[in-house]
């Protein structure tokens, strides 16, 4: 048995790298593909889960997923092979800034930073959407204003300005020319499952190696979530049209 803990952030115990249950993801994908898109592009696709779900729901569609993190792209290819979808999907390790193709359905879940600020991302995604297309867009937001103590625990350099509240986020979306067709506000249960899913592989390893110093790292991760992000942070997934 290895004496080194699994790497952080792999999400090995998760199927989807977002705070969405399988049922919520399925409902959003069904709504997003109701117009039978021919080409689907996922900007910041991660493991490609939602893109592959969308392709499975539209047998005539083709898709491309792009992400800067090569291990995520490797996992996406492996999942596509397991699901028999490699003939209709392409995964690319690279930057969304380099994408020029326009699509009938765009996906950007928790990855708008790949295209800049929220305003810049929404503007660029509008340029990449075909007439009559849809955008499935997910972003974190503040459910409550974080305290200085919570900000100090979340991540290095966390600021109140890093997120909007939900009305502010919707206002930015509308100001950018988009209309909201559907909205899913991730539940506390979905968020807890997501956070625990990222910790579980390393916690299981620690049970077999109880004296390892990774325990201190995990305790810090728990504090960052429970005392930092859990109360103020929310996540919303929007189906948008123009």
C-alpha atoms as a PDB file:
ATOM      1  CA  UNK A   1       0.000   0.000   0.000  1.00  0.00           C
ATOM      2  CA  UNK A   2       1.358   3.429  -0.962  1.00  0.00           C
ATOM      3  CA  UNK A   3       2.744   5.603   1.818  1.00  0.00           C
ATOM      4  CA  UNK A   4       1.850   8.823   0.021  1.00  0.00           C
ATOM      5  CA  UNK A   5      -1.683  10.259   0.228  1.00  0.00           C
ATOM      6  CA  UNK A   6      -3.740  10.797  -2.916  1.00  0.00           C
ATOM      7  CA  UNK A   7      -3.347  14.204  -4.484  1.00  0.00           C
ATOM      8  CA  UNK A   8      -5.810  16.866  -3.418  1.00  0.00           C
ATOM      9  CA  UNK A   9      -8.502  18.011  -5.811  1.00  0.00           C
ATOM     10  CA  UNK A  10      -8.823  14.905  -7.980  1.00  0.00           C
ATOM     11  CA  UNK A  11     -12.501  14.424  -7.129  1.00  0.00           C
ATOM     12  CA  UNK A  12     -12.036  10.672  -7.404  1.00  0.00           C
ATOM     13  CA  UNK A  13     -15.193  10.056  -5.337  1.00  0.00           C
ATOM     14  CA  UNK A  14     -17.313  12.405  -7.464  1.00  0.00           C
ATOM     15  CA  UNK A  15     -18.994  11.982 -10.849  1.00  0.00           C
ATOM     16  CA  UNK A  16     -19.561  15.706 -11.403  1.00  0.00           C
ATOM     17  CA  UNK A  17     -17.192  18.456 -10.314  1.00  0.00           C
ATOM     18  CA  UNK A  18     -19.972  20.860  -9.353  1.00  0.00           C
ATOM     19  CA  UNK A  19     -22.449  21.061  -6.451  1.00  0.00           C
ATOM     20  CA  UNK A  20     -25.249  19.417  -8.432  1.00  0.00           C
ATOM     21  CA  UNK A  21     -27.019  16.163  -7.695  1.00  0.00           C
ATOM     22  CA  UNK A  22     -27.513  13.668 -10.506  1.00  0.00           C
ATOM     23  CA  UNK A  23     -31.214  14.546 -10.614  1.00  0.00           C
ATOM     24  CA  UNK A  24     -30.538  18.292 -10.801  1.00  0.00           C
ATOM     25  CA  UNK A  25     -27.935  17.831 -13.522  1.00  0.00           C
ATOM     26  CA  UNK A  26     -30.301  15.632 -15.530  1.00  0.00           C
ATOM     27  CA  UNK A  27     -33.096  18.196 -15.332  1.00  0.00           C
ATOM     28  CA  UNK A  28     -30.809  21.028 -16.431  1.00  0.00           C
ATOM     29  CA  UNK A  29     -29.352  19.013 -19.309  1.00  0.00           C
ATOM     30  CA  UNK A  30     -32.845  18.091 -20.509  1.00  0.00           C
ATOM     31  CA  UNK A  31     -33.848  21.755 -20.517  1.00  0.00           C
ATOM     32  CA  UNK A  32     -30.609  22.829 -22.192  1.00  0.00           C
ATOM     33  CA  UNK A  33     -30.934  20.309 -25.026  1.00  0.00           C
ATOM     34  CA  UNK A  34     -34.662  20.704 -25.705  1.00  0.00           C
ATOM     35  CA  UNK A  35     -33.835  22.640 -28.903  1.00  0.00           C
ATOM     36  CA  UNK A  36     -31.852  19.633 -30.240  1.00  0.00           C
ATOM     37  CA  UNK A  37     -28.420  21.278 -30.622  1.00  0.00           C
ATOM     38  CA  UNK A  38     -26.130  20.019 -33.359  1.00  0.00           C
ATOM     39  CA  UNK A  39     -22.871  21.280 -31.835  1.00  0.00           C
ATOM     40  CA  UNK A  40     -22.186  21.576 -28.095  1.00  0.00           C
ATOM     41  CA  UNK A  41     -19.039  23.205 -26.697  1.00  0.00           C
ATOM     42  CA  UNK A  42     -18.110  23.064 -23.022  1.00  0.00           C
ATOM     43  CA  UNK A  43     -15.702  25.800 -21.910  1.00  0.00           C
ATOM     44  CA  UNK A  44     -13.859  24.578 -18.821  1.00  0.00           C
ATOM     45  CA  UNK A  45     -15.272  21.081 -19.255  1.00  0.00           C
ATOM     46  CA  UNK A  46     -13.338  19.416 -16.439  1.00  0.00           C
ATOM     47  CA  UNK A  47     -14.238  15.734 -16.528  1.00  0.00           C
ATOM     48  CA  UNK A  48     -16.739  16.335 -19.342  1.00  0.00           C
ATOM     49  CA  UNK A  49     -19.698  14.969 -17.390  1.00  0.00           C
ATOM     50  CA  UNK A  50     -22.348  17.477 -18.452  1.00  0.00           C
ATOM     51  CA  UNK A  51     -21.105  17.544 -22.048  1.00  0.00           C
ATOM     52  CA  UNK A  52     -21.329  13.759 -22.265  1.00  0.00           C
ATOM     53  CA  UNK A  53     -24.773  13.812 -20.641  1.00  0.00           C
ATOM     54  CA  UNK A  54     -25.914  16.351 -23.244  1.00  0.00           C
ATOM     55  CA  UNK A  55     -24.546  14.237 -26.103  1.00  0.00           C
ATOM     56  CA  UNK A  56     -26.261  11.161 -24.706  1.00  0.00           C
ATOM     57  CA  UNK A  57     -29.568  13.034 -24.710  1.00  0.00           C
ATOM     58  CA  UNK A  58     -29.169  14.226 -28.326  1.00  0.00           C
ATOM     59  CA  UNK A  59     -27.918  11.277 -30.415  1.00  0.00           C
ATOM     60  CA  UNK A  60     -27.307  13.474 -33.477  1.00  0.00           C
ATOM     61  CA  UNK A  61     -25.155  16.047 -31.675  1.00  0.00           C
ATOM     62  CA  UNK A  62     -21.388  16.408 -31.612  1.00  0.00           C
ATOM     63  CA  UNK A  63     -19.390  18.115 -28.906  1.00  0.00           C
ATOM     64  CA  UNK A  64     -16.070  19.601 -27.877  1.00  0.00           C
ATOM     65  CA  UNK A  65     -14.784  20.050 -24.355  1.00  0.00           C
ATOM     66  CA  UNK A  66     -11.836  22.274 -23.539  1.00  0.00           C
ATOM     67  CA  UNK A  67      -9.929  22.653 -20.275  1.00  0.00           C
ATOM     68  CA  UNK A  68      -6.441  23.725 -19.251  1.00  0.00           C
ATOM     69  CA  UNK A  69      -6.023  20.834 -16.787  1.00  0.00           C
ATOM     70  CA  UNK A  70      -4.640  17.805 -18.644  1.00  0.00           C
ATOM     71  CA  UNK A  71      -5.561  15.169 -15.979  1.00  0.00           C
ATOM     72  CA  UNK A  72      -9.200  16.279 -16.216  1.00  0.00           C
ATOM     73  CA  UNK A  73      -9.100  15.892 -19.995  1.00  0.00           C
ATOM     74  CA  UNK A  74      -7.625  12.393 -19.611  1.00  0.00           C
ATOM     75  CA  UNK A  75     -10.471  11.470 -17.275  1.00  0.00           C
ATOM     76  CA  UNK A  76     -13.013  12.936 -19.710  1.00  0.00           C
ATOM     77  CA  UNK A  77     -11.653  10.786 -22.564  1.00  0.00           C
ATOM     78  CA  UNK A  78     -11.787   7.683 -20.372  1.00  0.00           C
ATOM     79  CA  UNK A  79     -15.400   8.383 -19.417  1.00  0.00           C
ATOM     80  CA  UNK A  80     -16.351   9.025 -23.036  1.00  0.00           C
ATOM     81  CA  UNK A  81     -14.896   5.655 -23.963  1.00  0.00           C
ATOM     82  CA  UNK A  82     -16.819   3.928 -21.181  1.00  0.00           C
ATOM     83  CA  UNK A  83     -20.036   5.554 -22.394  1.00  0.00           C
ATOM     84  CA  UNK A  84     -19.407   4.801 -26.057  1.00  0.00           C
ATOM     85  CA  UNK A  85     -19.316   8.473 -27.082  1.00  0.00           C
ATOM     86  CA  UNK A  86     -15.785   8.890 -28.436  1.00  0.00           C
ATOM     87  CA  UNK A  87     -17.080   9.090 -32.016  1.00  0.00           C
ATOM     88  CA  UNK A  88     -19.085  12.227 -31.210  1.00  0.00           C
ATOM     89  CA  UNK A  89     -16.846  14.138 -28.815  1.00  0.00           C
ATOM     90  CA  UNK A  90     -13.435  15.785 -28.820  1.00  0.00           C
ATOM     91  CA  UNK A  91     -11.579  16.891 -25.695  1.00  0.00           C
ATOM     92  CA  UNK A  92      -8.835  19.485 -25.933  1.00  0.00           C
ATOM     93  CA  UNK A  93      -6.234  20.545 -23.390  1.00  0.00           C
ATOM     94  CA  UNK A  94      -6.024  24.275 -23.873  1.00  0.00           C
ATOM     95  CA  UNK A  95      -7.546  27.689 -23.290  1.00  0.00           C
ATOM     96  CA  UNK A  96     -11.105  28.733 -24.063  1.00  0.00           C
ATOM     97  CA  UNK A  97      -9.665  32.035 -25.265  1.00  0.00           C
ATOM     98  CA  UNK A  98      -8.423  30.204 -28.348  1.00  0.00           C
ATOM     99  CA  UNK A  99     -11.840  28.778 -29.312  1.00  0.00           C
ATOM    100  CA  UNK A 100     -13.438  30.351 -32.396  1.00  0.00           C
ATOM    101  CA  UNK A 101     -16.166  27.826 -33.229  1.00  0.00           C
ATOM    102  CA  UNK A 102     -19.783  28.842 -32.635  1.00  0.00           C
ATOM    103  CA  UNK A 103     -22.205  26.312 -31.138  1.00  0.00           C
ATOM    104  CA  UNK A 104     -25.904  25.690 -30.557  1.00  0.00           C
ATOM    105  CA  UNK A 105     -25.318  24.931 -26.878  1.00  0.00           C
ATOM    106  CA  UNK A 106     -22.524  26.353 -24.762  1.00  0.00           C
ATOM    107  CA  UNK A 107     -21.670  25.075 -21.289  1.00  0.00           C
ATOM    108  CA  UNK A 108     -19.682  27.055 -18.748  1.00  0.00           C
ATOM    109  CA  UNK A 109     -20.096  25.709 -15.221  1.00  0.00           C
ATOM    110  CA  UNK A 110     -17.937  27.335 -12.557  1.00  0.00           C
ATOM    111  CA  UNK A 111     -15.395  28.277 -15.203  1.00  0.00           C
ATOM    112  CA  UNK A 112     -16.190  31.808 -16.395  1.00  0.00           C
ATOM    113  CA  UNK A 113     -12.704  32.880 -15.237  1.00  0.00           C
ATOM    114  CA  UNK A 114     -11.308  31.110 -18.303  1.00  0.00           C
ATOM    115  CA  UNK A 115     -12.764  33.996 -20.305  1.00  0.00           C
ATOM    116  CA  UNK A 116     -12.108  36.817 -17.853  1.00  0.00           C
ATOM    117  CA  UNK A 117     -14.613  38.543 -15.593  1.00  0.00           C
ATOM    118  CA  UNK A 118     -18.284  37.563 -15.585  1.00  0.00           C
ATOM    119  CA  UNK A 119     -19.030  40.453 -17.931  1.00  0.00           C
ATOM    120  CA  UNK A 120     -16.201  39.498 -20.278  1.00  0.00           C
ATOM    121  CA  UNK A 121     -17.198  35.840 -20.226  1.00  0.00           C
ATOM    122  CA  UNK A 122     -20.854  36.572 -20.969  1.00  0.00           C
ATOM    123  CA  UNK A 123     -19.865  38.859 -23.843  1.00  0.00           C
ATOM    124  CA  UNK A 124     -17.468  36.323 -25.341  1.00  0.00           C
ATOM    125  CA  UNK A 125     -19.949  33.468 -24.970  1.00  0.00           C
ATOM    126  CA  UNK A 126     -22.555  35.583 -26.782  1.00  0.00           C
ATOM    127  CA  UNK A 127     -20.150  35.822 -29.729  1.00  0.00           C
ATOM    128  CA  UNK A 128     -19.725  32.030 -29.717  1.00  0.00           C
ATOM    129  CA  UNK A 129     -23.446  31.182 -29.670  1.00  0.00           C
ATOM    130  CA  UNK A 130     -25.406  30.476 -32.826  1.00  0.00           C
ATOM    131  CA  UNK A 131     -28.783  32.119 -33.341  1.00  0.00           C
ATOM    132  CA  UNK A 132     -31.431  30.388 -31.252  1.00  0.00           C
ATOM    133  CA  UNK A 133     -28.829  28.662 -29.100  1.00  0.00           C
ATOM    134  CA  UNK A 134     -28.632  28.238 -25.340  1.00  0.00           C
ATOM    135  CA  UNK A 135     -26.002  28.710 -22.631  1.00  0.00           C
ATOM    136  CA  UNK A 136     -25.810  26.596 -19.482  1.00  0.00           C
ATOM    137  CA  UNK A 137     -23.928  28.869 -17.093  1.00  0.00           C
ATOM    138  CA  UNK A 138     -22.936  28.153 -13.496  1.00  0.00           C
ATOM    139  CA  UNK A 139     -21.325  30.474 -10.985  1.00  0.00           C
ATOM    140  CA  UNK A 140     -20.680  30.821  -7.281  1.00  0.00           C
ATOM    141  CA  UNK A 141     -22.330  33.739  -5.478  1.00  0.00           C
ATOM    142  CA  UNK A 142     -22.734  35.065  -1.942  1.00  0.00           C
ATOM    143  CA  UNK A 143     -25.817  33.795  -0.155  1.00  0.00           C
ATOM    144  CA  UNK A 144     -24.764  36.040   2.716  1.00  0.00           C
ATOM    145  CA  UNK A 145     -22.024  38.607   3.063  1.00  0.00           C
ATOM    146  CA  UNK A 146     -18.924  36.802   4.403  1.00  0.00           C
ATOM    147  CA  UNK A 147     -17.302  37.990   7.600  1.00  0.00           C
ATOM    148  CA  UNK A 148     -13.586  38.852   7.735  1.00  0.00           C
ATOM    149  CA  UNK A 149     -13.060  35.626   9.703  1.00  0.00           C
ATOM    150  CA  UNK A 150     -14.749  33.545   6.987  1.00  0.00           C
ATOM    151  CA  UNK A 151     -12.804  35.253   4.206  1.00  0.00           C
ATOM    152  CA  UNK A 152      -9.533  34.547   5.992  1.00  0.00           C
ATOM    153  CA  UNK A 153     -10.282  30.810   5.888  1.00  0.00           C
ATOM    154  CA  UNK A 154     -11.767  30.366   2.383  1.00  0.00           C
ATOM    155  CA  UNK A 155      -8.733  30.656   0.120  1.00  0.00           C
ATOM    156  CA  UNK A 156      -5.641  32.829  -0.085  1.00  0.00           C
ATOM    157  CA  UNK A 157      -6.598  36.417  -0.754  1.00  0.00           C
ATOM    158  CA  UNK A 158     -10.380  35.872  -0.662  1.00  0.00           C
ATOM    159  CA  UNK A 159     -12.316  39.156  -0.859  1.00  0.00           C
ATOM    160  CA  UNK A 160     -15.957  40.170  -0.684  1.00  0.00           C
ATOM    161  CA  UNK A 161     -15.517  41.504  -4.240  1.00  0.00           C
ATOM    162  CA  UNK A 162     -14.745  38.000  -5.536  1.00  0.00           C
ATOM    163  CA  UNK A 163     -18.473  37.173  -5.789  1.00  0.00           C
ATOM    164  CA  UNK A 164     -21.802  38.912  -6.304  1.00  0.00           C
ATOM    165  CA  UNK A 165     -25.045  38.205  -4.526  1.00  0.00           C
ATOM    166  CA  UNK A 166     -27.705  36.427  -6.588  1.00  0.00           C
ATOM    167  CA  UNK A 167     -29.697  39.532  -7.585  1.00  0.00           C
ATOM    168  CA  UNK A 168     -26.439  41.204  -8.563  1.00  0.00           C
ATOM    169  CA  UNK A 169     -25.376  38.214 -10.646  1.00  0.00           C
ATOM    170  CA  UNK A 170     -28.733  38.031 -12.438  1.00  0.00           C
ATOM    171  CA  UNK A 171     -28.512  41.762 -13.058  1.00  0.00           C
ATOM    172  CA  UNK A 172     -25.120  41.332 -14.747  1.00  0.00           C
ATOM    173  CA  UNK A 173     -26.525  38.506 -16.874  1.00  0.00           C
ATOM    174  CA  UNK A 174     -29.479  40.589 -17.999  1.00  0.00           C
ATOM    175  CA  UNK A 175     -27.333  43.659 -18.632  1.00  0.00           C
ATOM    176  CA  UNK A 176     -25.202  41.512 -20.956  1.00  0.00           C
ATOM    177  CA  UNK A 177     -28.268  40.795 -23.103  1.00  0.00           C
ATOM    178  CA  UNK A 178     -29.149  37.342 -21.807  1.00  0.00           C
ATOM    179  CA  UNK A 179     -32.540  36.143 -20.559  1.00  0.00           C
ATOM    180  CA  UNK A 180     -32.897  33.561 -17.804  1.00  0.00           C
ATOM    181  CA  UNK A 181     -34.898  30.535 -18.912  1.00  0.00           C
ATOM    182  CA  UNK A 182     -34.152  28.287 -15.909  1.00  0.00           C
ATOM    183  CA  UNK A 183     -32.421  28.621 -12.561  1.00  0.00           C
ATOM    184  CA  UNK A 184     -31.140  26.006 -10.141  1.00  0.00           C
ATOM    185  CA  UNK A 185     -29.841  27.161  -6.766  1.00  0.00           C
ATOM    186  CA  UNK A 186     -27.679  24.357  -5.378  1.00  0.00           C
ATOM    187  CA  UNK A 187     -29.002  23.048  -2.089  1.00  0.00           C
ATOM    188  CA  UNK A 188     -26.995  22.678   1.089  1.00  0.00           C
ATOM    189  CA  UNK A 189     -27.164  18.900   0.618  1.00  0.00           C
ATOM    190  CA  UNK A 190     -25.683  19.220  -2.878  1.00  0.00           C
ATOM    191  CA  UNK A 191     -22.930  21.511  -1.612  1.00  0.00           C
ATOM    192  CA  UNK A 192     -22.090  19.220   1.315  1.00  0.00           C
ATOM    193  CA  UNK A 193     -21.915  16.178  -0.973  1.00  0.00           C
ATOM    194  CA  UNK A 194     -19.600  18.097  -3.309  1.00  0.00           C
ATOM    195  CA  UNK A 195     -17.250  19.253  -0.560  1.00  0.00           C
ATOM    196  CA  UNK A 196     -17.133  15.869   1.198  1.00  0.00           C
ATOM    197  CA  UNK A 197     -16.631  14.181  -2.169  1.00  0.00           C
ATOM    198  CA  UNK A 198     -13.422  16.137  -2.640  1.00  0.00           C
ATOM    199  CA  UNK A 199     -12.166  15.166   0.815  1.00  0.00           C
ATOM    200  CA  UNK A 200     -13.291  11.570   1.063  1.00  0.00           C
ATOM    201  CA  UNK A 201     -10.491   9.822  -0.868  1.00  0.00           C
ATOM    202  CA  UNK A 202      -7.831  11.417   1.321  1.00  0.00           C
ATOM    203  CA  UNK A 203      -9.842  10.798   4.499  1.00  0.00           C
ATOM    204  CA  UNK A 204     -10.148   7.112   3.596  1.00  0.00           C
ATOM    205  CA  UNK A 205      -6.387   6.954   3.004  1.00  0.00           C
ATOM    206  CA  UNK A 206      -5.752   8.627   6.380  1.00  0.00           C
ATOM    207  CA  UNK A 207      -7.731   5.896   8.153  1.00  0.00           C
ATOM    208  CA  UNK A 208      -5.073   3.456   6.934  1.00  0.00           C
ATOM    209  CA  UNK A 209      -2.212   5.843   7.831  1.00  0.00           C
ATOM    210  CA  UNK A 210      -3.400   7.582  11.020  1.00  0.00           C
ATOM    211  CA  UNK A 211      -0.078   9.176  11.897  1.00  0.00           C
ATOM    212  CA  UNK A 212       0.544  10.858   8.558  1.00  0.00           C
ATOM    213  CA  UNK A 213       0.911  14.669   8.536  1.00  0.00           C
ATOM    214  CA  UNK A 214      -1.752  14.933   5.802  1.00  0.00           C
ATOM    215  CA  UNK A 215      -4.179  14.980   8.730  1.00  0.00           C
ATOM    216  CA  UNK A 216      -3.277  18.635   9.394  1.00  0.00           C
ATOM    217  CA  UNK A 217      -3.951  19.518   5.740  1.00  0.00           C
ATOM    218  CA  UNK A 218      -7.329  17.804   5.848  1.00  0.00           C
ATOM    219  CA  UNK A 219      -8.277  19.516   9.094  1.00  0.00           C
ATOM    220  CA  UNK A 220      -7.448  22.827   7.437  1.00  0.00           C
ATOM    221  CA  UNK A 221      -9.588  21.887   4.431  1.00  0.00           C
ATOM    222  CA  UNK A 222     -12.517  21.104   6.725  1.00  0.00           C
ATOM    223  CA  UNK A 223     -12.102  24.461   8.482  1.00  0.00           C
ATOM    224  CA  UNK A 224     -11.949  26.295   5.134  1.00  0.00           C
ATOM    225  CA  UNK A 225     -15.275  24.763   4.214  1.00  0.00           C
ATOM    226  CA  UNK A 226     -17.171  24.641   7.516  1.00  0.00           C
ATOM    227  CA  UNK A 227     -15.890  27.909   9.000  1.00  0.00           C
ATOM    228  CA  UNK A 228     -15.196  29.670   5.719  1.00  0.00           C
ATOM    229  CA  UNK A 229     -17.321  28.901   2.654  1.00  0.00           C
ATOM    230  CA  UNK A 230     -20.283  26.921   3.964  1.00  0.00           C
ATOM    231  CA  UNK A 231     -22.442  29.714   5.366  1.00  0.00           C
ATOM    232  CA  UNK A 232     -21.922  32.512   2.820  1.00  0.00           C
ATOM    233  CA  UNK A 233     -21.298  30.746  -0.475  1.00  0.00           C
ATOM    234  CA  UNK A 234     -23.926  29.565  -2.922  1.00  0.00           C
ATOM    235  CA  UNK A 235     -23.834  28.204  -6.454  1.00  0.00           C
ATOM    236  CA  UNK A 236     -26.397  28.848  -9.169  1.00  0.00           C
ATOM    237  CA  UNK A 237     -26.788  27.224 -12.574  1.00  0.00           C
ATOM    238  CA  UNK A 238     -28.660  29.219 -15.189  1.00  0.00           C
ATOM    239  CA  UNK A 239     -30.090  28.285 -18.577  1.00  0.00           C
ATOM    240  CA  UNK A 240     -29.732  31.392 -20.715  1.00  0.00           C
ATOM    241  CA  UNK A 241     -30.891  32.502 -24.138  1.00  0.00           C
ATOM    242  CA  UNK A 242     -30.648  35.646 -26.246  1.00  0.00           C
END
